[in-house]
N, C-alpha and C. Protein backbone atom coordinates (compact mmCIF):
# COMPACT_ATOMS: atom_id res chain seq x y z
N MET A 1 125.88 116.28 91.84
CA MET A 1 126.26 116.90 93.08
C MET A 1 127.20 118.07 92.83
N ALA A 2 128.09 117.93 91.88
CA ALA A 2 129.05 118.99 91.61
C ALA A 2 128.36 120.26 91.15
N VAL A 3 127.27 120.14 90.43
CA VAL A 3 126.53 121.31 89.96
C VAL A 3 125.97 122.08 91.14
N TYR A 4 125.46 121.36 92.14
CA TYR A 4 124.85 122.03 93.28
C TYR A 4 125.90 122.61 94.23
N THR A 5 127.01 121.93 94.39
CA THR A 5 128.01 122.39 95.35
C THR A 5 128.95 123.43 94.77
N SER A 6 128.97 123.61 93.47
CA SER A 6 129.89 124.59 92.88
C SER A 6 129.47 126.02 93.19
N GLU A 7 128.18 126.25 93.47
CA GLU A 7 127.70 127.59 93.72
C GLU A 7 127.58 127.93 95.20
N LEU A 8 128.04 127.05 96.08
CA LEU A 8 127.91 127.28 97.51
C LEU A 8 128.89 128.35 97.98
N ASP A 9 128.49 129.07 99.00
CA ASP A 9 129.29 130.16 99.55
C ASP A 9 130.31 129.62 100.55
N HIS A 10 131.58 129.85 100.28
CA HIS A 10 132.66 129.38 101.15
C HIS A 10 133.26 130.53 101.95
N SER A 11 132.73 131.73 101.84
CA SER A 11 133.38 132.91 102.41
C SER A 11 133.16 133.09 103.91
N ASP A 12 132.10 132.53 104.48
CA ASP A 12 131.80 132.83 105.88
C ASP A 12 132.60 132.00 106.88
N GLY A 13 133.46 131.15 106.44
CA GLY A 13 134.25 130.33 107.35
C GLY A 13 133.41 129.21 107.92
N GLY A 14 133.88 128.57 108.96
CA GLY A 14 133.14 127.47 109.56
C GLY A 14 133.23 126.21 108.70
N ALA A 15 132.25 125.37 108.84
CA ALA A 15 132.24 124.09 108.13
C ALA A 15 131.99 124.30 106.64
N SER A 16 132.64 123.51 105.87
CA SER A 16 132.48 123.56 104.41
C SER A 16 131.09 123.06 104.03
N PRO A 17 130.41 123.70 103.07
CA PRO A 17 129.08 123.24 102.65
C PRO A 17 129.08 121.80 102.12
N GLU A 18 130.18 121.37 101.50
CA GLU A 18 130.26 119.99 101.02
C GLU A 18 130.24 119.02 102.18
N VAL A 19 130.91 119.40 103.29
CA VAL A 19 130.93 118.55 104.47
C VAL A 19 129.52 118.45 105.05
N LEU A 20 128.81 119.56 105.10
CA LEU A 20 127.45 119.55 105.62
C LEU A 20 126.54 118.69 104.76
N LEU A 21 126.71 118.74 103.44
CA LEU A 21 125.91 117.93 102.55
C LEU A 21 126.20 116.45 102.77
N GLN A 22 127.48 116.11 102.88
CA GLN A 22 127.84 114.71 103.13
C GLN A 22 127.35 114.26 104.50
N ASP A 23 127.39 115.17 105.46
CA ASP A 23 126.91 114.87 106.80
C ASP A 23 125.41 114.52 106.77
N ARG A 24 124.63 115.25 105.99
CA ARG A 24 123.20 115.00 105.88
C ARG A 24 122.95 113.61 105.30
N LEU A 25 123.71 113.25 104.28
CA LEU A 25 123.54 111.92 103.67
C LEU A 25 123.98 110.81 104.63
N ARG A 26 125.05 111.05 105.36
CA ARG A 26 125.51 110.05 106.33
C ARG A 26 124.48 109.86 107.43
N LYS A 27 123.95 110.99 107.95
CA LYS A 27 122.92 110.93 108.99
C LYS A 27 121.66 110.25 108.46
N GLY A 28 121.28 110.58 107.25
CA GLY A 28 120.09 109.98 106.65
C GLY A 28 120.25 108.49 106.47
N ARG A 29 121.43 108.07 106.06
CA ARG A 29 121.71 106.64 105.91
C ARG A 29 121.64 105.94 107.26
N GLU A 30 122.20 106.56 108.29
CA GLU A 30 122.14 105.98 109.64
C GLU A 30 120.70 105.85 110.12
N ARG A 31 119.92 106.91 109.94
CA ARG A 31 118.52 106.87 110.40
C ARG A 31 117.72 105.81 109.66
N LEU A 32 117.95 105.68 108.36
CA LEU A 32 117.25 104.67 107.58
C LEU A 32 117.63 103.27 108.05
N HIS A 33 118.91 103.06 108.27
CA HIS A 33 119.37 101.75 108.75
C HIS A 33 118.79 101.44 110.12
N GLU A 34 118.79 102.43 111.03
CA GLU A 34 118.24 102.22 112.37
C GLU A 34 116.75 101.92 112.33
N ALA A 35 116.02 102.61 111.47
CA ALA A 35 114.57 102.39 111.38
C ALA A 35 114.26 101.00 110.83
N LEU A 36 115.00 100.58 109.81
CA LEU A 36 114.82 99.23 109.26
C LEU A 36 115.18 98.17 110.30
N GLU A 37 116.24 98.40 111.02
CA GLU A 37 116.67 97.46 112.06
C GLU A 37 115.64 97.37 113.19
N ALA A 38 115.09 98.52 113.60
CA ALA A 38 114.09 98.53 114.67
C ALA A 38 112.84 97.74 114.26
N LEU A 39 112.39 97.92 113.05
CA LEU A 39 111.21 97.18 112.59
C LEU A 39 111.52 95.69 112.45
N SER A 40 112.71 95.37 111.98
CA SER A 40 113.09 93.98 111.86
C SER A 40 113.11 93.30 113.23
N LEU A 41 113.66 93.97 114.23
CA LEU A 41 113.68 93.43 115.59
C LEU A 41 112.29 93.34 116.20
N LEU A 42 111.44 94.32 115.89
CA LEU A 42 110.08 94.32 116.41
C LEU A 42 109.27 93.16 115.86
N CYS A 43 109.49 92.82 114.61
CA CYS A 43 108.74 91.74 113.96
C CYS A 43 109.41 90.38 114.11
N GLU A 44 110.57 90.33 114.74
CA GLU A 44 111.29 89.06 114.88
C GLU A 44 110.50 88.00 115.66
N PRO A 45 109.80 88.34 116.75
CA PRO A 45 109.08 87.31 117.51
C PRO A 45 107.83 86.74 116.80
N VAL A 46 107.45 87.30 115.68
CA VAL A 46 106.27 86.78 114.96
C VAL A 46 106.56 85.36 114.52
N GLN A 47 105.57 84.49 114.75
CA GLN A 47 105.73 83.06 114.43
C GLN A 47 105.83 82.84 112.93
N PRO A 48 106.64 81.87 112.50
CA PRO A 48 106.71 81.54 111.07
C PRO A 48 105.37 80.98 110.62
N PRO A 49 104.97 81.17 109.41
CA PRO A 49 105.64 81.65 108.22
C PRO A 49 105.58 83.16 108.07
N LYS A 50 105.23 83.88 109.14
CA LYS A 50 105.23 85.34 109.18
C LYS A 50 104.35 85.96 108.09
N GLY A 51 103.16 85.42 107.95
CA GLY A 51 102.17 85.97 107.04
C GLY A 51 101.29 86.98 107.76
N GLU A 52 100.23 87.42 107.09
CA GLU A 52 99.33 88.42 107.69
C GLU A 52 98.72 87.91 108.99
N LEU A 53 98.26 86.68 108.99
CA LEU A 53 97.59 86.13 110.17
C LEU A 53 98.52 86.07 111.37
N GLU A 54 99.76 85.68 111.16
CA GLU A 54 100.72 85.60 112.26
C GLU A 54 101.05 87.00 112.80
N HIS A 55 101.15 87.98 111.90
CA HIS A 55 101.39 89.35 112.34
C HIS A 55 100.19 89.89 113.11
N ILE A 56 98.98 89.59 112.63
CA ILE A 56 97.78 90.03 113.34
C ILE A 56 97.74 89.41 114.73
N HIS A 57 98.05 88.13 114.81
CA HIS A 57 98.04 87.46 116.12
C HIS A 57 99.07 88.08 117.06
N TYR A 58 100.25 88.42 116.55
CA TYR A 58 101.29 89.00 117.41
C TYR A 58 100.95 90.42 117.84
N PHE A 59 100.45 91.24 116.92
CA PHE A 59 100.20 92.65 117.23
C PHE A 59 98.81 92.92 117.80
N CYS A 60 97.86 92.00 117.59
CA CYS A 60 96.49 92.22 118.07
C CYS A 60 96.02 91.14 119.04
N GLY A 61 96.64 89.98 119.03
CA GLY A 61 96.16 88.87 119.84
C GLY A 61 94.88 88.32 119.25
N ASN A 62 94.03 87.79 120.09
CA ASN A 62 92.73 87.32 119.65
C ASN A 62 91.80 88.52 119.61
N ARG A 63 91.37 88.91 118.43
CA ARG A 63 90.61 90.15 118.27
C ARG A 63 89.24 90.08 118.92
N GLU A 64 88.76 88.89 119.21
CA GLU A 64 87.44 88.76 119.82
C GLU A 64 87.48 88.99 121.32
N ILE A 65 88.66 89.00 121.90
CA ILE A 65 88.82 89.25 123.33
C ILE A 65 89.36 90.67 123.51
N PRO A 66 88.53 91.59 124.02
CA PRO A 66 88.97 92.99 124.16
C PRO A 66 90.22 93.15 125.03
N ASP A 67 90.34 92.34 126.09
CA ASP A 67 91.52 92.45 126.95
C ASP A 67 92.79 92.03 126.22
N ASP A 68 92.65 91.06 125.33
CA ASP A 68 93.80 90.62 124.55
C ASP A 68 94.27 91.72 123.61
N LEU A 69 93.32 92.42 123.01
CA LEU A 69 93.65 93.54 122.13
C LEU A 69 94.37 94.63 122.92
N LYS A 70 93.89 94.91 124.12
CA LYS A 70 94.50 95.92 124.98
C LYS A 70 95.91 95.48 125.43
N GLU A 71 96.05 94.18 125.66
CA GLU A 71 97.32 93.64 126.11
C GLU A 71 98.42 93.77 125.05
N HIS A 72 98.04 93.71 123.78
CA HIS A 72 99.01 93.80 122.68
C HIS A 72 99.18 95.23 122.15
N GLU A 73 98.58 96.18 122.82
CA GLU A 73 98.66 97.57 122.37
C GLU A 73 100.09 98.11 122.31
N PRO A 74 100.95 97.81 123.28
CA PRO A 74 102.33 98.35 123.19
C PRO A 74 103.06 97.91 121.91
N GLN A 75 102.84 96.65 121.48
CA GLN A 75 103.48 96.20 120.25
C GLN A 75 102.94 96.97 119.05
N ARG A 76 101.62 97.20 119.03
CA ARG A 76 101.02 97.94 117.91
C ARG A 76 101.54 99.36 117.86
N VAL A 77 101.57 100.02 119.00
CA VAL A 77 102.05 101.40 119.05
C VAL A 77 103.50 101.47 118.60
N ALA A 78 104.31 100.50 119.03
CA ALA A 78 105.71 100.47 118.58
C ALA A 78 105.79 100.28 117.07
N LEU A 79 104.92 99.43 116.52
CA LEU A 79 104.90 99.23 115.07
C LEU A 79 104.52 100.51 114.36
N TYR A 80 103.49 101.19 114.84
CA TYR A 80 103.05 102.44 114.20
C TYR A 80 104.16 103.49 114.24
N LYS A 81 104.78 103.66 115.39
CA LYS A 81 105.84 104.67 115.53
C LYS A 81 107.06 104.32 114.70
N SER A 82 107.44 103.05 114.71
CA SER A 82 108.62 102.63 113.96
C SER A 82 108.39 102.75 112.46
N THR A 83 107.17 102.44 112.02
CA THR A 83 106.87 102.58 110.59
C THR A 83 106.89 104.05 110.18
N ALA A 84 106.36 104.91 111.02
CA ALA A 84 106.40 106.35 110.72
C ALA A 84 107.84 106.85 110.66
N ALA A 85 108.69 106.36 111.58
CA ALA A 85 110.10 106.76 111.56
C ALA A 85 110.79 106.26 110.29
N LEU A 86 110.44 105.04 109.86
CA LEU A 86 111.02 104.50 108.63
C LEU A 86 110.61 105.33 107.42
N VAL A 87 109.34 105.67 107.34
CA VAL A 87 108.86 106.45 106.20
C VAL A 87 109.53 107.82 106.17
N ARG A 88 109.67 108.45 107.33
CA ARG A 88 110.36 109.75 107.39
C ARG A 88 111.82 109.62 106.98
N ALA A 89 112.50 108.60 107.50
CA ALA A 89 113.92 108.41 107.17
C ALA A 89 114.10 108.14 105.69
N PHE A 90 113.21 107.33 105.12
CA PHE A 90 113.30 107.03 103.69
C PHE A 90 113.01 108.27 102.86
N ALA A 91 112.00 109.02 103.24
CA ALA A 91 111.62 110.22 102.48
C ALA A 91 112.74 111.27 102.51
N ASN A 92 113.47 111.34 103.62
CA ASN A 92 114.54 112.34 103.74
C ASN A 92 115.68 112.14 102.76
N ILE A 93 115.95 110.88 102.39
CA ILE A 93 117.07 110.66 101.47
C ILE A 93 116.67 109.85 100.24
N ALA A 94 115.38 109.74 99.97
CA ALA A 94 114.90 108.92 98.86
C ALA A 94 115.52 109.35 97.53
N ASP A 95 115.64 110.64 97.30
CA ASP A 95 116.20 111.12 96.04
C ASP A 95 117.72 110.99 95.98
N ASP A 96 118.35 110.85 97.13
CA ASP A 96 119.81 110.80 97.18
C ASP A 96 120.36 109.43 97.57
N LEU A 97 119.57 108.38 97.43
CA LEU A 97 120.04 107.05 97.82
C LEU A 97 121.33 106.63 97.10
N PRO A 98 121.45 106.88 95.79
CA PRO A 98 122.73 106.52 95.14
C PRO A 98 123.92 107.32 95.69
N HIS A 99 123.69 108.60 96.00
CA HIS A 99 124.76 109.45 96.55
C HIS A 99 125.09 109.07 97.99
N ALA A 100 124.12 108.43 98.67
CA ALA A 100 124.35 108.00 100.05
C ALA A 100 125.13 106.68 100.09
N GLY A 101 125.39 106.11 98.92
CA GLY A 101 126.22 104.91 98.87
C GLY A 101 125.46 103.62 98.67
N TYR A 102 124.20 103.69 98.32
CA TYR A 102 123.42 102.47 98.09
C TYR A 102 123.51 102.05 96.62
N SER A 103 123.62 100.74 96.40
CA SER A 103 123.61 100.22 95.04
C SER A 103 122.16 100.09 94.56
N ASP A 104 121.98 99.83 93.28
CA ASP A 104 120.62 99.70 92.73
C ASP A 104 119.86 98.55 93.38
N SER A 105 120.53 97.44 93.64
CA SER A 105 119.85 96.30 94.27
C SER A 105 119.47 96.63 95.72
N GLN A 106 120.33 97.37 96.42
CA GLN A 106 120.00 97.78 97.79
C GLN A 106 118.82 98.74 97.80
N ILE A 107 118.77 99.65 96.85
CA ILE A 107 117.67 100.61 96.76
C ILE A 107 116.36 99.87 96.52
N THR A 108 116.38 98.89 95.63
CA THR A 108 115.18 98.10 95.35
C THR A 108 114.74 97.36 96.61
N GLY A 109 115.69 96.79 97.34
CA GLY A 109 115.37 96.08 98.58
C GLY A 109 114.79 97.01 99.64
N ILE A 110 115.35 98.20 99.75
CA ILE A 110 114.85 99.17 100.74
C ILE A 110 113.43 99.59 100.39
N LYS A 111 113.18 99.85 99.11
CA LYS A 111 111.83 100.24 98.70
C LYS A 111 110.83 99.13 98.99
N LYS A 112 111.21 97.88 98.76
CA LYS A 112 110.33 96.75 99.06
C LYS A 112 110.06 96.65 100.57
N ASP A 113 111.11 96.87 101.37
CA ASP A 113 110.94 96.83 102.82
C ASP A 113 109.99 97.92 103.30
N VAL A 114 110.16 99.13 102.78
CA VAL A 114 109.29 100.24 103.17
C VAL A 114 107.85 99.94 102.79
N GLU A 115 107.64 99.45 101.57
CA GLU A 115 106.28 99.10 101.14
C GLU A 115 105.70 98.00 102.02
N HIS A 116 106.52 97.00 102.37
CA HIS A 116 106.06 95.89 103.21
C HIS A 116 105.60 96.39 104.57
N TYR A 117 106.41 97.23 105.21
CA TYR A 117 106.07 97.69 106.56
C TYR A 117 104.88 98.66 106.54
N VAL A 118 104.75 99.46 105.52
CA VAL A 118 103.60 100.35 105.42
C VAL A 118 102.32 99.52 105.22
N LYS A 119 102.41 98.51 104.38
CA LYS A 119 101.26 97.61 104.17
C LYS A 119 100.93 96.87 105.46
N LEU A 120 101.94 96.39 106.17
CA LEU A 120 101.73 95.70 107.43
C LEU A 120 101.06 96.61 108.45
N ARG A 121 101.49 97.86 108.52
CA ARG A 121 100.86 98.82 109.44
C ARG A 121 99.38 98.98 109.12
N GLY A 122 99.04 99.06 107.84
CA GLY A 122 97.64 99.17 107.45
C GLY A 122 96.83 97.94 107.82
N ILE A 123 97.41 96.77 107.64
CA ILE A 123 96.72 95.52 108.00
C ILE A 123 96.47 95.47 109.50
N ILE A 124 97.46 95.84 110.28
CA ILE A 124 97.31 95.80 111.75
C ILE A 124 96.31 96.85 112.21
N ARG A 125 96.33 98.02 111.62
CA ARG A 125 95.34 99.05 111.97
C ARG A 125 93.93 98.55 111.71
N GLN A 126 93.73 97.96 110.57
CA GLN A 126 92.41 97.46 110.22
C GLN A 126 92.01 96.31 111.15
N ALA A 127 92.93 95.42 111.44
CA ALA A 127 92.62 94.28 112.30
C ALA A 127 92.33 94.69 113.73
N SER A 128 92.95 95.78 114.18
CA SER A 128 92.74 96.22 115.56
C SER A 128 91.47 97.03 115.73
N GLY A 129 90.79 97.31 114.62
CA GLY A 129 89.53 98.03 114.71
C GLY A 129 89.66 99.52 114.54
N TRP A 130 90.84 99.99 114.17
CA TRP A 130 91.02 101.41 113.94
C TRP A 130 90.29 101.76 112.66
N ASN A 131 89.35 102.70 112.73
CA ASN A 131 88.50 102.98 111.58
C ASN A 131 89.14 103.90 110.54
N GLY A 132 90.27 104.49 110.86
CA GLY A 132 90.97 105.29 109.87
C GLY A 132 90.42 106.69 109.68
N VAL A 133 89.43 107.08 110.50
CA VAL A 133 88.85 108.41 110.35
C VAL A 133 88.86 109.11 111.71
N PRO A 134 90.05 109.53 112.18
CA PRO A 134 90.10 110.17 113.50
C PRO A 134 89.37 111.50 113.54
N TRP A 135 89.25 112.18 112.42
CA TRP A 135 88.58 113.48 112.42
C TRP A 135 87.08 113.32 112.63
N GLN A 136 86.54 112.13 112.36
CA GLN A 136 85.10 111.92 112.52
C GLN A 136 84.70 112.08 113.99
N ASN A 137 85.52 111.58 114.90
CA ASN A 137 85.23 111.75 116.32
C ASN A 137 85.25 113.22 116.71
N LEU A 138 86.21 113.97 116.18
CA LEU A 138 86.26 115.41 116.47
C LEU A 138 85.04 116.12 115.92
N ARG A 139 84.60 115.73 114.71
CA ARG A 139 83.42 116.34 114.11
C ARG A 139 82.19 116.06 114.96
N ASP A 140 82.06 114.83 115.46
CA ASP A 140 80.91 114.49 116.28
C ASP A 140 80.91 115.27 117.59
N LYS A 141 82.10 115.42 118.20
CA LYS A 141 82.19 116.20 119.44
C LYS A 141 81.84 117.65 119.17
N TRP A 142 82.34 118.20 118.08
CA TRP A 142 82.06 119.59 117.74
C TRP A 142 80.56 119.77 117.51
N HIS A 143 79.94 118.85 116.80
CA HIS A 143 78.52 118.95 116.50
C HIS A 143 77.68 118.88 117.77
N SER A 144 77.99 117.95 118.69
CA SER A 144 77.22 117.87 119.92
C SER A 144 77.44 119.10 120.79
N SER A 145 78.67 119.63 120.79
CA SER A 145 78.95 120.86 121.53
C SER A 145 78.15 122.02 120.96
N LEU A 146 78.08 122.12 119.65
CA LEU A 146 77.31 123.17 119.00
C LEU A 146 75.83 123.06 119.34
N CYS A 147 75.31 121.84 119.32
CA CYS A 147 73.89 121.63 119.66
C CYS A 147 73.61 122.04 121.10
N ARG A 148 74.52 121.73 122.02
CA ARG A 148 74.33 122.13 123.42
C ARG A 148 74.33 123.65 123.55
N ARG A 149 75.22 124.32 122.84
CA ARG A 149 75.26 125.78 122.90
C ARG A 149 73.98 126.39 122.35
N LEU A 150 73.49 125.85 121.26
CA LEU A 150 72.24 126.36 120.70
C LEU A 150 71.08 126.13 121.65
N ALA A 151 71.08 125.00 122.33
CA ALA A 151 70.01 124.72 123.29
C ALA A 151 70.07 125.69 124.46
N ARG A 152 71.28 126.05 124.88
CA ARG A 152 71.41 127.02 125.98
C ARG A 152 70.90 128.39 125.56
N LEU A 153 71.12 128.74 124.33
CA LEU A 153 70.63 130.02 123.83
C LEU A 153 69.13 130.01 123.61
N ARG A 154 68.55 128.83 123.65
CA ARG A 154 67.12 128.63 123.40
C ARG A 154 66.70 129.23 122.05
N ALA A 155 67.64 129.17 121.14
CA ALA A 155 67.33 129.65 119.80
C ALA A 155 66.56 128.56 119.07
N PRO A 156 65.55 128.97 118.31
CA PRO A 156 64.83 127.95 117.55
C PRO A 156 65.76 127.37 116.48
N LEU A 157 65.84 126.07 116.48
CA LEU A 157 66.71 125.38 115.54
C LEU A 157 65.86 124.89 114.38
N VAL A 158 66.09 125.45 113.21
CA VAL A 158 65.34 125.06 112.03
C VAL A 158 66.16 124.03 111.28
N MET A 159 65.63 122.85 111.20
CA MET A 159 66.32 121.79 110.47
C MET A 159 65.90 121.85 109.01
N PRO A 160 66.82 121.72 108.10
CA PRO A 160 66.44 121.76 106.69
C PRO A 160 65.62 120.53 106.32
N CYS A 161 64.60 120.77 105.51
CA CYS A 161 63.83 119.63 105.04
C CYS A 161 64.49 119.09 103.77
N GLU A 162 63.99 118.00 103.29
CA GLU A 162 64.61 117.34 102.15
C GLU A 162 64.63 118.22 100.91
N THR A 163 63.61 119.04 100.71
CA THR A 163 63.58 119.88 99.51
C THR A 163 64.63 120.97 99.57
N ASP A 164 65.03 121.40 100.78
CA ASP A 164 66.07 122.41 100.92
C ASP A 164 67.41 121.92 100.36
N LEU A 165 67.62 120.62 100.45
CA LEU A 165 68.87 120.07 99.95
C LEU A 165 68.93 120.10 98.43
N TYR A 166 67.78 119.93 97.80
CA TYR A 166 67.75 119.87 96.35
C TYR A 166 67.44 121.23 95.71
N PHE A 167 66.64 122.05 96.42
CA PHE A 167 66.26 123.37 95.90
C PHE A 167 66.54 124.40 97.00
N PRO A 168 67.80 124.81 97.13
CA PRO A 168 68.15 125.70 98.23
C PRO A 168 67.46 127.05 98.19
N GLY A 169 67.03 127.50 97.04
CA GLY A 169 66.41 128.81 96.95
C GLY A 169 64.89 128.76 97.10
N ALA A 170 64.35 127.59 97.26
CA ALA A 170 62.89 127.46 97.33
C ALA A 170 62.37 128.00 98.65
N ILE A 171 61.20 128.58 98.58
CA ILE A 171 60.56 129.13 99.80
C ILE A 171 59.52 128.11 100.21
N ARG A 172 59.57 127.77 101.50
CA ARG A 172 58.57 126.83 102.00
C ARG A 172 57.72 127.51 103.05
N SER A 173 56.51 127.12 103.12
CA SER A 173 55.62 127.72 104.11
C SER A 173 55.74 126.96 105.40
N THR A 174 55.65 127.73 106.52
CA THR A 174 55.76 127.09 107.83
C THR A 174 54.46 127.19 108.57
């Protein structure tokens, strides 16, 4: 830290750069603690032994009943948002955890917690039926929109045949 702060400009007045640096670490520590606490409180009502199945039941309900899945949506959304906040908070001070006042054992525990919650988020996403490819829906909408526009133009649509895929320069007779 001394290497980085020794070259800071102190001439413009106002707050000292060292104070701003310490402020960033203090804020980062607070955000990380708040994010871990929020996820801990969110997962508190999960029934023991708090394995994957119990988390799925709490965040998704009975997956075979669509209304049950819809009913548990607020918990899932809170889990997704809280996990994203945790990952951001951890990433902001991950390199400076020792300077933020964490011991080696605390750092190891925090890393395990972050990994646990990220893994849990993935399990819940998969259990809720989220396919993990949101851009695919956009691609399908774009493709159908393009096809409608071409139909309005009444342009002849030439579909490539199988040989075009393998021999793009080949000339075929029509």
